N, C-alpha and C. Protein backbone atom coordinates (compact mmCIF):
# COMPACT_ATOMS: atom_id res chain seq x y z
N MET A 1 43.31 -8.32 136.30
CA MET A 1 43.90 -6.99 136.18
C MET A 1 45.35 -7.06 135.73
N ALA A 2 46.06 -8.00 136.35
CA ALA A 2 47.47 -8.15 135.99
C ALA A 2 47.61 -8.56 134.55
N THR A 3 46.68 -9.43 134.10
CA THR A 3 46.74 -9.90 132.71
C THR A 3 46.49 -8.75 131.75
N HIS A 4 45.53 -7.87 132.12
CA HIS A 4 45.24 -6.72 131.27
C HIS A 4 46.46 -5.81 131.15
N LEU A 5 47.14 -5.55 132.29
CA LEU A 5 48.35 -4.71 132.26
C LEU A 5 49.45 -5.37 131.46
N ASP A 6 49.59 -6.69 131.61
CA ASP A 6 50.62 -7.39 130.83
C ASP A 6 50.37 -7.24 129.35
N LEU A 7 49.09 -7.33 128.95
CA LEU A 7 48.76 -7.19 127.53
C LEU A 7 49.05 -5.77 127.03
N GLU A 8 48.74 -4.78 127.88
CA GLU A 8 49.02 -3.39 127.50
C GLU A 8 50.51 -3.17 127.34
N GLU A 9 51.29 -3.66 128.28
CA GLU A 9 52.74 -3.51 128.22
C GLU A 9 53.31 -4.22 127.00
N GLN A 10 52.75 -5.42 126.71
CA GLN A 10 53.22 -6.16 125.55
C GLN A 10 52.93 -5.39 124.26
N GLU A 11 51.71 -4.79 124.23
CA GLU A 11 51.32 -4.02 123.03
C GLU A 11 52.24 -2.81 122.85
N GLN A 12 52.52 -2.11 123.99
CA GLN A 12 53.41 -0.96 123.90
C GLN A 12 54.82 -1.37 123.48
N LEU A 13 55.25 -2.53 124.00
CA LEU A 13 56.57 -3.04 123.65
C LEU A 13 56.65 -3.38 122.16
N ASP A 14 55.57 -4.00 121.66
CA ASP A 14 55.52 -4.33 120.24
C ASP A 14 55.55 -3.07 119.37
N GLN A 15 54.81 -2.03 119.82
CA GLN A 15 54.81 -0.78 119.07
C GLN A 15 56.19 -0.13 119.06
N LEU A 16 56.85 -0.22 120.22
CA LEU A 16 58.20 0.34 120.30
C LEU A 16 59.17 -0.40 119.40
N LYS A 17 59.05 -1.75 119.37
CA LYS A 17 59.92 -2.54 118.50
C LYS A 17 59.67 -2.21 117.04
N HIS A 18 58.38 -2.04 116.70
CA HIS A 18 58.04 -1.71 115.32
C HIS A 18 58.61 -0.34 114.93
N PHE A 19 58.44 0.59 115.86
CA PHE A 19 58.96 1.94 115.60
C PHE A 19 60.48 1.90 115.41
N TRP A 20 61.15 1.17 116.28
CA TRP A 20 62.62 1.13 116.19
C TRP A 20 63.08 0.41 114.92
N ASN A 21 62.37 -0.68 114.58
CA ASN A 21 62.73 -1.39 113.35
C ASN A 21 62.55 -0.50 112.12
N THR A 22 61.56 0.41 112.20
CA THR A 22 61.29 1.28 111.06
C THR A 22 62.25 2.48 111.02
N TYR A 23 62.48 3.10 112.18
CA TYR A 23 63.24 4.35 112.20
C TYR A 23 64.56 4.28 112.95
N GLY A 24 64.89 3.16 113.47
CA GLY A 24 66.09 3.05 114.29
C GLY A 24 67.36 3.41 113.54
N THR A 25 67.51 2.88 112.33
CA THR A 25 68.72 3.17 111.55
C THR A 25 68.84 4.65 111.26
N LEU A 26 67.70 5.27 110.90
CA LEU A 26 67.71 6.71 110.60
C LEU A 26 68.09 7.52 111.84
N ILE A 27 67.51 7.16 112.97
CA ILE A 27 67.80 7.89 114.20
C ILE A 27 69.28 7.76 114.56
N THR A 28 69.80 6.54 114.45
CA THR A 28 71.22 6.32 114.75
C THR A 28 72.11 7.14 113.83
N THR A 29 71.75 7.16 112.55
CA THR A 29 72.54 7.92 111.57
C THR A 29 72.54 9.41 111.90
N VAL A 30 71.36 9.94 112.21
CA VAL A 30 71.26 11.37 112.55
C VAL A 30 72.08 11.69 113.78
N VAL A 31 71.98 10.84 114.81
CA VAL A 31 72.75 11.07 116.03
C VAL A 31 74.25 11.07 115.75
N VAL A 32 74.69 10.10 114.94
CA VAL A 32 76.11 10.01 114.61
C VAL A 32 76.56 11.24 113.83
N VAL A 33 75.76 11.65 112.84
CA VAL A 33 76.10 12.83 112.04
C VAL A 33 76.20 14.07 112.92
N LEU A 34 75.22 14.25 113.81
CA LEU A 34 75.24 15.39 114.71
C LEU A 34 76.46 15.37 115.62
N ALA A 35 76.79 14.19 116.11
CA ALA A 35 77.96 14.06 116.98
C ALA A 35 79.24 14.40 116.24
N LEU A 36 79.34 13.90 114.99
CA LEU A 36 80.53 14.20 114.19
C LEU A 36 80.60 15.68 113.85
N ALA A 37 79.43 16.28 113.55
CA ALA A 37 79.41 17.71 113.23
C ALA A 37 79.85 18.54 114.43
N PHE A 38 79.36 18.15 115.61
CA PHE A 38 79.74 18.87 116.83
C PHE A 38 81.23 18.74 117.09
N ALA A 39 81.74 17.52 116.92
CA ALA A 39 83.17 17.30 117.12
C ALA A 39 83.98 18.07 116.09
N GLY A 40 83.48 18.08 114.85
CA GLY A 40 84.17 18.81 113.79
C GLY A 40 84.19 20.31 114.06
N TRP A 41 83.06 20.85 114.54
CA TRP A 41 82.98 22.26 114.86
C TRP A 41 83.96 22.63 115.97
N ASN A 42 83.99 21.80 117.02
CA ASN A 42 84.94 22.05 118.10
C ASN A 42 86.38 21.98 117.61
N GLY A 43 86.64 21.01 116.74
CA GLY A 43 87.98 20.88 116.19
C GLY A 43 88.37 22.08 115.33
N TRP A 44 87.40 22.54 114.53
CA TRP A 44 87.66 23.70 113.67
C TRP A 44 87.92 24.94 114.52
N GLN A 45 87.13 25.12 115.58
CA GLN A 45 87.32 26.26 116.46
C GLN A 45 88.70 26.22 117.12
N TYR A 46 89.09 25.01 117.53
CA TYR A 46 90.41 24.84 118.17
C TYR A 46 91.52 25.17 117.16
N TRP A 47 91.33 24.67 115.93
CA TRP A 47 92.33 24.93 114.89
C TRP A 47 92.42 26.42 114.57
N GLN A 48 91.26 27.11 114.52
CA GLN A 48 91.25 28.54 114.24
C GLN A 48 91.96 29.31 115.34
N ARG A 49 91.71 28.92 116.59
CA ARG A 49 92.37 29.62 117.71
C ARG A 49 93.89 29.43 117.63
N ASN A 50 94.31 28.20 117.35
CA ASN A 50 95.74 27.94 117.24
C ASN A 50 96.35 28.68 116.05
N LYS A 51 95.60 28.74 114.96
CA LYS A 51 96.07 29.44 113.77
C LYS A 51 96.25 30.92 114.05
N ALA A 52 95.26 31.51 114.71
CA ALA A 52 95.33 32.93 115.03
C ALA A 52 96.50 33.22 115.98
N ALA A 53 96.70 32.34 116.95
CA ALA A 53 97.79 32.52 117.90
C ALA A 53 99.14 32.42 117.20
N GLY A 54 99.27 31.45 116.28
CA GLY A 54 100.52 31.29 115.54
C GLY A 54 100.79 32.49 114.65
N ALA A 55 99.75 32.99 113.98
CA ALA A 55 99.92 34.14 113.09
C ALA A 55 100.30 35.38 113.90
N ALA A 56 99.67 35.55 115.07
CA ALA A 56 99.98 36.70 115.91
C ALA A 56 101.44 36.66 116.38
N ALA A 57 101.89 35.46 116.73
CA ALA A 57 103.28 35.32 117.19
C ALA A 57 104.26 35.66 116.07
N LEU A 58 103.97 35.22 114.86
CA LEU A 58 104.85 35.53 113.73
C LEU A 58 104.83 37.02 113.41
N TYR A 59 103.65 37.64 113.51
CA TYR A 59 103.56 39.08 113.26
C TYR A 59 104.42 39.84 114.27
N ASP A 60 104.36 39.43 115.53
CA ASP A 60 105.18 40.07 116.56
C ASP A 60 106.66 39.90 116.24
N GLU A 61 107.03 38.73 115.75
CA GLU A 61 108.43 38.48 115.38
C GLU A 61 108.86 39.41 114.24
N LEU A 62 107.99 39.56 113.26
CA LEU A 62 108.31 40.45 112.13
C LEU A 62 108.41 41.89 112.61
N GLN A 63 107.50 42.28 113.48
CA GLN A 63 107.51 43.66 113.99
C GLN A 63 108.79 43.94 114.78
N ARG A 64 109.20 42.99 115.59
CA ARG A 64 110.44 43.18 116.35
C ARG A 64 111.64 43.27 115.40
N GLY A 65 111.61 42.47 114.35
CA GLY A 65 112.68 42.55 113.36
C GLY A 65 112.72 43.90 112.68
N ALA A 66 111.54 44.44 112.35
CA ALA A 66 111.47 45.75 111.69
C ALA A 66 111.98 46.84 112.62
N GLU A 67 111.59 46.78 113.89
CA GLU A 67 112.03 47.79 114.86
C GLU A 67 113.53 47.73 115.08
N ALA A 68 114.09 46.51 114.98
CA ALA A 68 115.53 46.35 115.18
C ALA A 68 116.32 46.61 113.90
N GLY A 69 115.61 46.80 112.78
CA GLY A 69 116.30 47.00 111.51
C GLY A 69 116.93 45.75 110.95
N ASP A 70 116.47 44.59 111.42
CA ASP A 70 117.00 43.30 110.99
C ASP A 70 116.15 42.77 109.83
N MET A 71 116.57 43.07 108.60
CA MET A 71 115.76 42.71 107.45
C MET A 71 115.78 41.20 107.16
N THR A 72 116.83 40.52 107.58
CA THR A 72 116.85 39.07 107.43
C THR A 72 115.74 38.45 108.28
N ARG A 73 115.60 38.94 109.46
CA ARG A 73 114.54 38.48 110.38
C ARG A 73 113.16 38.82 109.82
N VAL A 74 113.04 40.02 109.25
CA VAL A 74 111.76 40.44 108.66
C VAL A 74 111.37 39.54 107.50
N GLU A 75 112.31 39.30 106.61
CA GLU A 75 112.00 38.49 105.43
C GLU A 75 111.71 37.03 105.81
N ARG A 76 112.42 36.53 106.81
CA ARG A 76 112.18 35.15 107.25
C ARG A 76 110.79 35.03 107.88
N ALA A 77 110.42 35.99 108.71
CA ALA A 77 109.10 35.96 109.35
C ALA A 77 107.99 36.10 108.32
N LEU A 78 108.20 36.96 107.32
CA LEU A 78 107.19 37.14 106.28
C LEU A 78 107.03 35.87 105.46
N ALA A 79 108.14 35.21 105.14
CA ALA A 79 108.08 33.97 104.37
C ALA A 79 107.31 32.89 105.15
N ASP A 80 107.58 32.80 106.45
CA ASP A 80 106.85 31.83 107.28
C ASP A 80 105.37 32.17 107.36
N MET A 81 105.07 33.45 107.47
CA MET A 81 103.68 33.90 107.55
C MET A 81 102.93 33.55 106.26
N LYS A 82 103.54 33.81 105.14
CA LYS A 82 102.90 33.52 103.85
C LYS A 82 102.69 32.01 103.68
N ASP A 83 103.65 31.23 104.15
CA ASP A 83 103.58 29.78 103.98
C ASP A 83 102.56 29.14 104.91
N LYS A 84 102.47 29.62 106.15
CA LYS A 84 101.64 28.94 107.15
C LYS A 84 100.29 29.62 107.40
N PHE A 85 100.26 30.95 107.26
CA PHE A 85 99.04 31.69 107.63
C PHE A 85 98.66 32.72 106.57
N GLY A 86 98.88 32.37 105.32
CA GLY A 86 98.71 33.32 104.23
C GLY A 86 97.32 33.89 104.08
N SER A 87 96.30 33.18 104.57
CA SER A 87 94.93 33.65 104.39
C SER A 87 94.42 34.51 105.55
N THR A 88 95.27 34.78 106.53
CA THR A 88 94.83 35.53 107.70
C THR A 88 95.05 37.03 107.51
N ALA A 89 94.33 37.82 108.31
CA ALA A 89 94.52 39.27 108.29
C ALA A 89 95.92 39.63 108.77
N TYR A 90 96.48 38.82 109.68
CA TYR A 90 97.84 39.07 110.16
C TYR A 90 98.84 39.04 109.00
N ALA A 91 98.63 38.11 108.06
CA ALA A 91 99.55 38.00 106.93
C ALA A 91 99.49 39.25 106.05
N GLN A 92 98.29 39.78 105.85
CA GLN A 92 98.15 40.99 105.04
C GLN A 92 98.83 42.18 105.71
N GLN A 93 98.63 42.29 107.02
CA GLN A 93 99.27 43.37 107.77
C GLN A 93 100.78 43.18 107.78
N ALA A 94 101.22 41.94 107.90
CA ALA A 94 102.65 41.65 107.91
C ALA A 94 103.29 42.03 106.59
N GLY A 95 102.60 41.76 105.48
CA GLY A 95 103.13 42.12 104.17
C GLY A 95 103.33 43.62 104.04
N LEU A 96 102.36 44.40 104.51
CA LEU A 96 102.47 45.86 104.44
C LEU A 96 103.59 46.38 105.34
N LEU A 97 103.69 45.81 106.55
CA LEU A 97 104.73 46.23 107.49
C LEU A 97 106.11 45.87 106.95
N ALA A 98 106.24 44.66 106.42
CA ALA A 98 107.54 44.24 105.87
C ALA A 98 107.94 45.12 104.69
N ALA A 99 106.98 45.46 103.84
CA ALA A 99 107.27 46.30 102.67
C ALA A 99 107.82 47.65 103.11
N LYS A 100 107.21 48.24 104.13
CA LYS A 100 107.68 49.55 104.61
C LYS A 100 109.09 49.45 105.17
N ALA A 101 109.32 48.41 105.98
CA ALA A 101 110.64 48.24 106.58
C ALA A 101 111.70 48.03 105.51
N LEU A 102 111.39 47.21 104.53
CA LEU A 102 112.34 46.94 103.44
C LEU A 102 112.58 48.17 102.60
N HIS A 103 111.53 48.94 102.33
CA HIS A 103 111.68 50.17 101.54
C HIS A 103 112.54 51.18 102.29
N ASP A 104 112.30 51.30 103.59
CA ASP A 104 113.09 52.24 104.39
C ASP A 104 114.57 51.88 104.41
N LYS A 105 114.85 50.59 104.26
CA LYS A 105 116.24 50.13 104.24
C LYS A 105 116.83 50.12 102.82
N GLY A 106 116.06 50.60 101.85
CA GLY A 106 116.57 50.71 100.50
C GLY A 106 116.44 49.47 99.64
N ASN A 107 115.72 48.46 100.13
CA ASN A 107 115.54 47.23 99.35
C ASN A 107 114.22 47.34 98.58
N ALA A 108 114.25 48.11 97.49
CA ALA A 108 113.03 48.39 96.73
C ALA A 108 112.44 47.12 96.12
N GLU A 109 113.27 46.24 95.64
CA GLU A 109 112.77 45.03 94.98
C GLU A 109 111.98 44.15 95.96
N ALA A 110 112.54 43.93 97.15
CA ALA A 110 111.85 43.10 98.14
C ALA A 110 110.59 43.79 98.65
N SER A 111 110.64 45.11 98.77
CA SER A 111 109.46 45.85 99.20
C SER A 111 108.34 45.71 98.19
N ARG A 112 108.65 45.84 96.92
CA ARG A 112 107.63 45.71 95.88
C ARG A 112 107.07 44.29 95.84
N ALA A 113 107.93 43.31 96.07
CA ALA A 113 107.46 41.92 96.07
C ALA A 113 106.47 41.69 97.21
N ALA A 114 106.73 42.27 98.37
CA ALA A 114 105.82 42.11 99.51
C ALA A 114 104.48 42.79 99.22
N LEU A 115 104.54 43.98 98.64
CA LEU A 115 103.30 44.70 98.29
C LEU A 115 102.52 43.96 97.21
N ALA A 116 103.23 43.43 96.23
CA ALA A 116 102.56 42.69 95.16
C ALA A 116 101.86 41.46 95.71
N TRP A 117 102.48 40.81 96.70
CA TRP A 117 101.85 39.63 97.30
C TRP A 117 100.56 40.02 97.99
N VAL A 118 100.57 41.10 98.75
CA VAL A 118 99.35 41.55 99.43
C VAL A 118 98.28 41.93 98.40
N ALA A 119 98.69 42.66 97.37
CA ALA A 119 97.74 43.08 96.34
C ALA A 119 97.11 41.90 95.63
N ASP A 120 97.86 40.82 95.50
CA ASP A 120 97.38 39.66 94.76
C ASP A 120 96.65 38.65 95.65
N LYS A 121 97.11 38.49 96.89
CA LYS A 121 96.62 37.40 97.73
C LYS A 121 95.69 37.82 98.87
N ALA A 122 95.66 39.09 99.21
CA ALA A 122 94.85 39.52 100.35
C ALA A 122 93.37 39.23 100.10
N VAL A 123 92.69 38.78 101.14
CA VAL A 123 91.26 38.52 101.01
C VAL A 123 90.44 39.77 101.33
N ASP A 124 91.05 40.74 101.97
CA ASP A 124 90.35 41.98 102.30
C ASP A 124 90.63 43.00 101.20
N PRO A 125 89.60 43.51 100.51
CA PRO A 125 89.81 44.47 99.42
C PRO A 125 90.45 45.77 99.89
N GLY A 126 90.25 46.12 101.17
CA GLY A 126 90.89 47.32 101.69
C GLY A 126 92.40 47.19 101.74
N TYR A 127 92.86 46.05 102.24
CA TYR A 127 94.31 45.81 102.26
C TYR A 127 94.87 45.74 100.84
N GLN A 128 94.12 45.14 99.94
CA GLN A 128 94.56 45.09 98.55
C GLN A 128 94.73 46.49 97.97
N ALA A 129 93.76 47.36 98.24
CA ALA A 129 93.83 48.73 97.72
C ALA A 129 95.03 49.48 98.28
N ILE A 130 95.26 49.33 99.59
CA ILE A 130 96.42 49.99 100.21
C ILE A 130 97.71 49.51 99.57
N ALA A 131 97.81 48.19 99.37
CA ALA A 131 99.02 47.63 98.76
C ALA A 131 99.21 48.15 97.34
N ARG A 132 98.14 48.23 96.57
CA ARG A 132 98.25 48.71 95.19
C ARG A 132 98.67 50.18 95.14
N LEU A 133 98.09 50.98 96.03
CA LEU A 133 98.46 52.39 96.07
C LEU A 133 99.94 52.57 96.41
N ARG A 134 100.39 51.83 97.41
CA ARG A 134 101.79 51.94 97.80
C ARG A 134 102.72 51.39 96.73
N LEU A 135 102.32 50.27 96.12
CA LEU A 135 103.14 49.69 95.06
C LEU A 135 103.22 50.62 93.86
N ALA A 136 102.10 51.25 93.52
CA ALA A 136 102.11 52.21 92.40
C ALA A 136 103.05 53.37 92.70
N GLY A 137 103.06 53.82 93.95
CA GLY A 137 103.96 54.90 94.33
C GLY A 137 105.43 54.50 94.19
N GLU A 138 105.76 53.29 94.62
CA GLU A 138 107.14 52.82 94.51
C GLU A 138 107.54 52.61 93.05
N LEU A 139 106.61 52.09 92.26
CA LEU A 139 106.91 51.92 90.84
C LEU A 139 107.09 53.26 90.15
N MET A 140 106.29 54.25 90.55
CA MET A 140 106.45 55.60 90.00
C MET A 140 107.82 56.16 90.34
N ASP A 141 108.25 55.96 91.59
CA ASP A 141 109.57 56.43 91.99
C ASP A 141 110.67 55.79 91.15
N GLY A 142 110.43 54.54 90.71
CA GLY A 142 111.39 53.85 89.87
C GLY A 142 111.17 54.10 88.39
N LYS A 143 110.28 55.05 88.08
CA LYS A 143 109.95 55.43 86.69
C LYS A 143 109.31 54.31 85.88
N SER A 144 108.74 53.33 86.56
CA SER A 144 107.99 52.27 85.88
C SER A 144 106.52 52.71 85.82
N TYR A 145 106.26 53.72 85.01
CA TYR A 145 104.96 54.37 85.01
C TYR A 145 103.84 53.47 84.52
N ASP A 146 104.07 52.74 83.45
CA ASP A 146 103.01 51.87 82.93
C ASP A 146 102.63 50.78 83.94
N GLU A 147 103.64 50.22 84.61
CA GLU A 147 103.36 49.21 85.63
C GLU A 147 102.60 49.83 86.81
N ALA A 148 102.95 51.06 87.14
CA ALA A 148 102.26 51.74 88.24
C ALA A 148 100.79 51.95 87.90
N LEU A 149 100.51 52.40 86.68
CA LEU A 149 99.12 52.62 86.27
C LEU A 149 98.36 51.30 86.19
N LYS A 150 99.05 50.24 85.84
CA LYS A 150 98.41 48.93 85.77
C LYS A 150 97.93 48.50 87.16
N GLN A 151 98.72 48.79 88.18
CA GLN A 151 98.30 48.46 89.54
C GLN A 151 97.03 49.21 89.93
N LEU A 152 96.87 50.41 89.42
CA LEU A 152 95.72 51.25 89.78
C LEU A 152 94.51 51.00 88.90
N ALA A 153 94.64 50.09 87.95
CA ALA A 153 93.51 49.79 87.07
C ALA A 153 92.53 48.81 87.70
N ALA A 154 92.97 48.12 88.74
CA ALA A 154 92.10 47.13 89.39
C ALA A 154 91.00 47.83 90.18
N PRO A 155 89.82 47.22 90.28
CA PRO A 155 88.74 47.82 91.08
C PRO A 155 89.14 47.93 92.55
N VAL A 156 88.68 48.99 93.19
CA VAL A 156 88.95 49.20 94.62
C VAL A 156 87.65 49.59 95.31
N PRO A 157 87.56 49.44 96.62
CA PRO A 157 86.37 49.91 97.35
C PRO A 157 86.17 51.41 97.12
N LYS A 158 84.94 51.85 97.18
CA LYS A 158 84.60 53.24 96.86
C LYS A 158 85.41 54.25 97.66
N GLU A 159 85.68 53.95 98.92
CA GLU A 159 86.40 54.89 99.77
C GLU A 159 87.85 55.11 99.33
N PHE A 160 88.35 54.26 98.43
CA PHE A 160 89.72 54.40 97.94
C PHE A 160 89.78 55.04 96.55
N GLU A 161 88.65 55.28 95.92
CA GLU A 161 88.64 55.74 94.53
C GLU A 161 89.32 57.10 94.37
N ALA A 162 89.08 58.03 95.30
CA ALA A 162 89.70 59.34 95.19
C ALA A 162 91.22 59.25 95.37
N LEU A 163 91.66 58.39 96.28
CA LEU A 163 93.10 58.20 96.48
C LEU A 163 93.75 57.64 95.22
N VAL A 164 93.06 56.70 94.58
CA VAL A 164 93.59 56.13 93.33
C VAL A 164 93.69 57.20 92.25
N ALA A 165 92.64 58.03 92.15
CA ALA A 165 92.66 59.10 91.15
C ALA A 165 93.81 60.07 91.41
N ASP A 166 94.04 60.42 92.67
CA ASP A 166 95.14 61.31 93.02
C ASP A 166 96.49 60.71 92.64
N ARG A 167 96.66 59.42 92.92
CA ARG A 167 97.93 58.76 92.57
C ARG A 167 98.11 58.69 91.05
N LYS A 168 97.01 58.45 90.34
CA LYS A 168 97.10 58.46 88.88
C LYS A 168 97.55 59.83 88.37
N GLY A 169 97.00 60.89 88.98
CA GLY A 169 97.41 62.24 88.59
C GLY A 169 98.91 62.45 88.77
N ASP A 170 99.45 61.94 89.89
CA ASP A 170 100.89 62.07 90.13
C ASP A 170 101.70 61.35 89.05
N ILE A 171 101.22 60.18 88.66
CA ILE A 171 101.95 59.40 87.65
C ILE A 171 101.88 60.09 86.30
N TYR A 172 100.69 60.55 85.92
CA TYR A 172 100.56 61.24 84.64
C TYR A 172 101.44 62.50 84.61
N LEU A 173 101.47 63.21 85.72
CA LEU A 173 102.28 64.43 85.76
C LEU A 173 103.77 64.09 85.63
N ALA A 174 104.18 62.99 86.28
CA ALA A 174 105.58 62.56 86.16
C ALA A 174 105.92 62.17 84.72
N GLN A 175 104.92 61.73 83.98
CA GLN A 175 105.13 61.38 82.57
C GLN A 175 105.05 62.60 81.65
N GLY A 176 104.68 63.75 82.19
CA GLY A 176 104.51 64.94 81.38
C GLY A 176 103.16 65.03 80.70
N LYS A 177 102.19 64.22 81.16
CA LYS A 177 100.85 64.22 80.55
C LYS A 177 99.94 65.12 81.40
N ARG A 178 100.01 66.42 81.14
CA ARG A 178 99.32 67.38 81.99
C ARG A 178 97.80 67.26 81.90
N GLU A 179 97.26 67.01 80.71
CA GLU A 179 95.81 66.94 80.57
C GLU A 179 95.24 65.74 81.34
N GLU A 180 95.93 64.61 81.20
CA GLU A 180 95.50 63.42 81.95
C GLU A 180 95.63 63.65 83.45
N ALA A 181 96.71 64.35 83.84
CA ALA A 181 96.90 64.65 85.25
C ALA A 181 95.78 65.56 85.77
N LYS A 182 95.41 66.57 84.98
CA LYS A 182 94.31 67.46 85.38
C LYS A 182 93.03 66.68 85.61
N ALA A 183 92.70 65.81 84.65
CA ALA A 183 91.45 65.04 84.76
C ALA A 183 91.47 64.16 86.00
N ALA A 184 92.60 63.54 86.29
CA ALA A 184 92.70 62.65 87.46
C ALA A 184 92.59 63.45 88.75
N TYR A 185 93.26 64.59 88.80
CA TYR A 185 93.19 65.42 90.01
C TYR A 185 91.78 65.97 90.23
N GLN A 186 91.11 66.32 89.14
CA GLN A 186 89.73 66.80 89.27
C GLN A 186 88.82 65.71 89.84
N GLN A 187 89.02 64.49 89.35
CA GLN A 187 88.23 63.37 89.88
C GLN A 187 88.53 63.17 91.37
N ALA A 188 89.80 63.26 91.74
CA ALA A 188 90.18 63.11 93.14
C ALA A 188 89.58 64.22 93.99
N TRP A 189 89.65 65.47 93.50
CA TRP A 189 89.12 66.61 94.25
C TRP A 189 87.63 66.46 94.50
N ASN A 190 86.90 66.01 93.49
CA ASN A 190 85.46 65.79 93.63
C ASN A 190 85.15 64.61 94.56
N GLY A 191 86.07 63.68 94.66
CA GLY A 191 85.83 62.48 95.47
C GLY A 191 86.08 62.67 96.94
N PHE A 192 86.97 63.59 97.31
CA PHE A 192 87.28 63.80 98.73
C PHE A 192 86.21 64.68 99.38
N GLU A 193 85.99 64.47 100.66
CA GLU A 193 85.00 65.24 101.40
C GLU A 193 85.47 66.68 101.60
N LEU A 194 84.51 67.57 101.73
CA LEU A 194 84.80 68.97 102.00
C LEU A 194 85.62 69.10 103.28
N GLY A 195 86.67 69.91 103.19
CA GLY A 195 87.48 70.18 104.37
C GLY A 195 88.52 69.13 104.70
N SER A 196 88.59 68.06 103.94
CA SER A 196 89.57 67.01 104.25
C SER A 196 90.97 67.47 103.85
N ASP A 197 91.97 66.98 104.57
CA ASP A 197 93.35 67.33 104.27
C ASP A 197 93.74 66.88 102.87
N TYR A 198 93.27 65.70 102.47
CA TYR A 198 93.59 65.21 101.13
C TYR A 198 93.06 66.16 100.06
N ARG A 199 91.85 66.70 100.28
CA ARG A 199 91.26 67.59 99.29
C ARG A 199 92.05 68.88 99.17
N ARG A 200 92.54 69.39 100.29
CA ARG A 200 93.36 70.60 100.25
C ARG A 200 94.67 70.34 99.52
N LEU A 201 95.23 69.14 99.70
CA LEU A 201 96.47 68.79 99.00
C LEU A 201 96.22 68.72 97.49
N VAL A 202 95.08 68.15 97.09
CA VAL A 202 94.77 68.06 95.66
C VAL A 202 94.52 69.45 95.08
N GLU A 203 93.98 70.37 95.87
CA GLU A 203 93.80 71.75 95.41
C GLU A 203 95.13 72.36 95.01
N ILE A 204 96.15 72.10 95.81
CA ILE A 204 97.49 72.61 95.49
C ILE A 204 97.99 72.03 94.18
N LYS A 205 97.74 70.74 93.99
CA LYS A 205 98.17 70.09 92.75
C LYS A 205 97.41 70.65 91.55
N LEU A 206 96.12 70.90 91.73
CA LEU A 206 95.32 71.47 90.65
C LEU A 206 95.82 72.86 90.28
N ASN A 207 96.13 73.67 91.29
CA ASN A 207 96.67 75.00 91.02
C ASN A 207 97.98 74.90 90.25
N ALA A 208 98.78 73.87 90.58
CA ALA A 208 100.07 73.70 89.92
C ALA A 208 99.93 73.37 88.44
N VAL A 209 98.80 72.73 88.07
CA VAL A 209 98.60 72.39 86.65
C VAL A 209 97.64 73.37 85.97
N GLY A 210 97.36 74.50 86.64
CA GLY A 210 96.57 75.55 86.02
C GLY A 210 95.08 75.40 86.10
N VAL A 211 94.58 74.73 87.13
CA VAL A 211 93.14 74.54 87.29
C VAL A 211 92.69 75.24 88.57
N ASP A 212 91.62 76.04 88.48
CA ASP A 212 91.03 76.68 89.65
C ASP A 212 90.04 75.71 90.28
N PRO A 213 90.33 75.18 91.46
CA PRO A 213 89.44 74.19 92.08
C PRO A 213 88.02 74.73 92.29
N GLN A 214 87.88 76.03 92.49
CA GLN A 214 86.56 76.59 92.76
C GLN A 214 85.64 76.51 91.55
N SER A 215 86.22 76.28 90.38
CA SER A 215 85.39 76.15 89.18
C SER A 215 84.88 74.73 88.99
N LEU A 216 85.32 73.83 89.84
CA LEU A 216 84.93 72.44 89.70
C LEU A 216 83.64 72.16 90.48
N LYS A 217 82.96 71.11 90.10
CA LYS A 217 81.76 70.69 90.80
C LYS A 217 82.12 70.21 92.19
N ALA A 218 81.46 70.77 93.18
CA ALA A 218 81.74 70.39 94.57
C ALA A 218 81.22 68.98 94.84
N PRO A 219 81.90 68.21 95.70
CA PRO A 219 81.42 66.86 96.03
C PRO A 219 80.17 66.92 96.88
N VAL A 220 79.39 65.87 96.81
CA VAL A 220 78.20 65.78 97.64
C VAL A 220 78.61 65.49 99.07
N ALA A 221 78.10 66.30 100.00
CA ALA A 221 78.47 66.10 101.42
C ALA A 221 77.94 64.76 101.90
N SER A 222 78.75 64.05 102.66
CA SER A 222 78.34 62.74 103.15
C SER A 222 77.30 62.89 104.24
N ALA A 223 76.41 61.91 104.34
CA ALA A 223 75.37 61.95 105.35
C ALA A 223 75.97 61.74 106.72
N LYS A 224 75.49 62.45 107.67
CA LYS A 224 75.99 62.31 109.06
C LYS A 224 75.10 61.36 109.82
């Protein structure tokens, strides 16, 4: 009986050795790859958390600078944000906040530079659209009409299309191009939802250029 069991154990041992000789290297490789992947994932998560924390701290620094009216502090924080955390949502928000603070302090050039950076580098198309709209407005104020229209030529998410059309109308009107302004305002009026404040504002602009809004095609009501 003992001999029979010894033979069975030997046979199983031989099968195990054969299996390991055949697949051992593959199994070891898979285990190592999985271990490295797991370690890499944990490392990436740790790096992302640290990155987010660093970006948040810099944003707070920029915000405090803006509230204090310290534009040197604002510009320094924005420069650090762009250099270290440029791909984060915090950086896009920081660019918009810095632009407003700089514009309010009369530094139009630095404000436009901050907006241009967001418009060019932001990964979120919504932030890009906001930056382009604001930049176009500042360029219009500086009578750089062609540059302003160029900013509005870029594609934007659908929810921003009416705002872009409205801003184009303002620029055309500032240039004395009433027909182009009418067409842009009409597009904006049709794009805004019924009853929205923006639509009522565009109605006033349409009246100012001699267009009766009630004669225009009403926008399709959005689904609830």
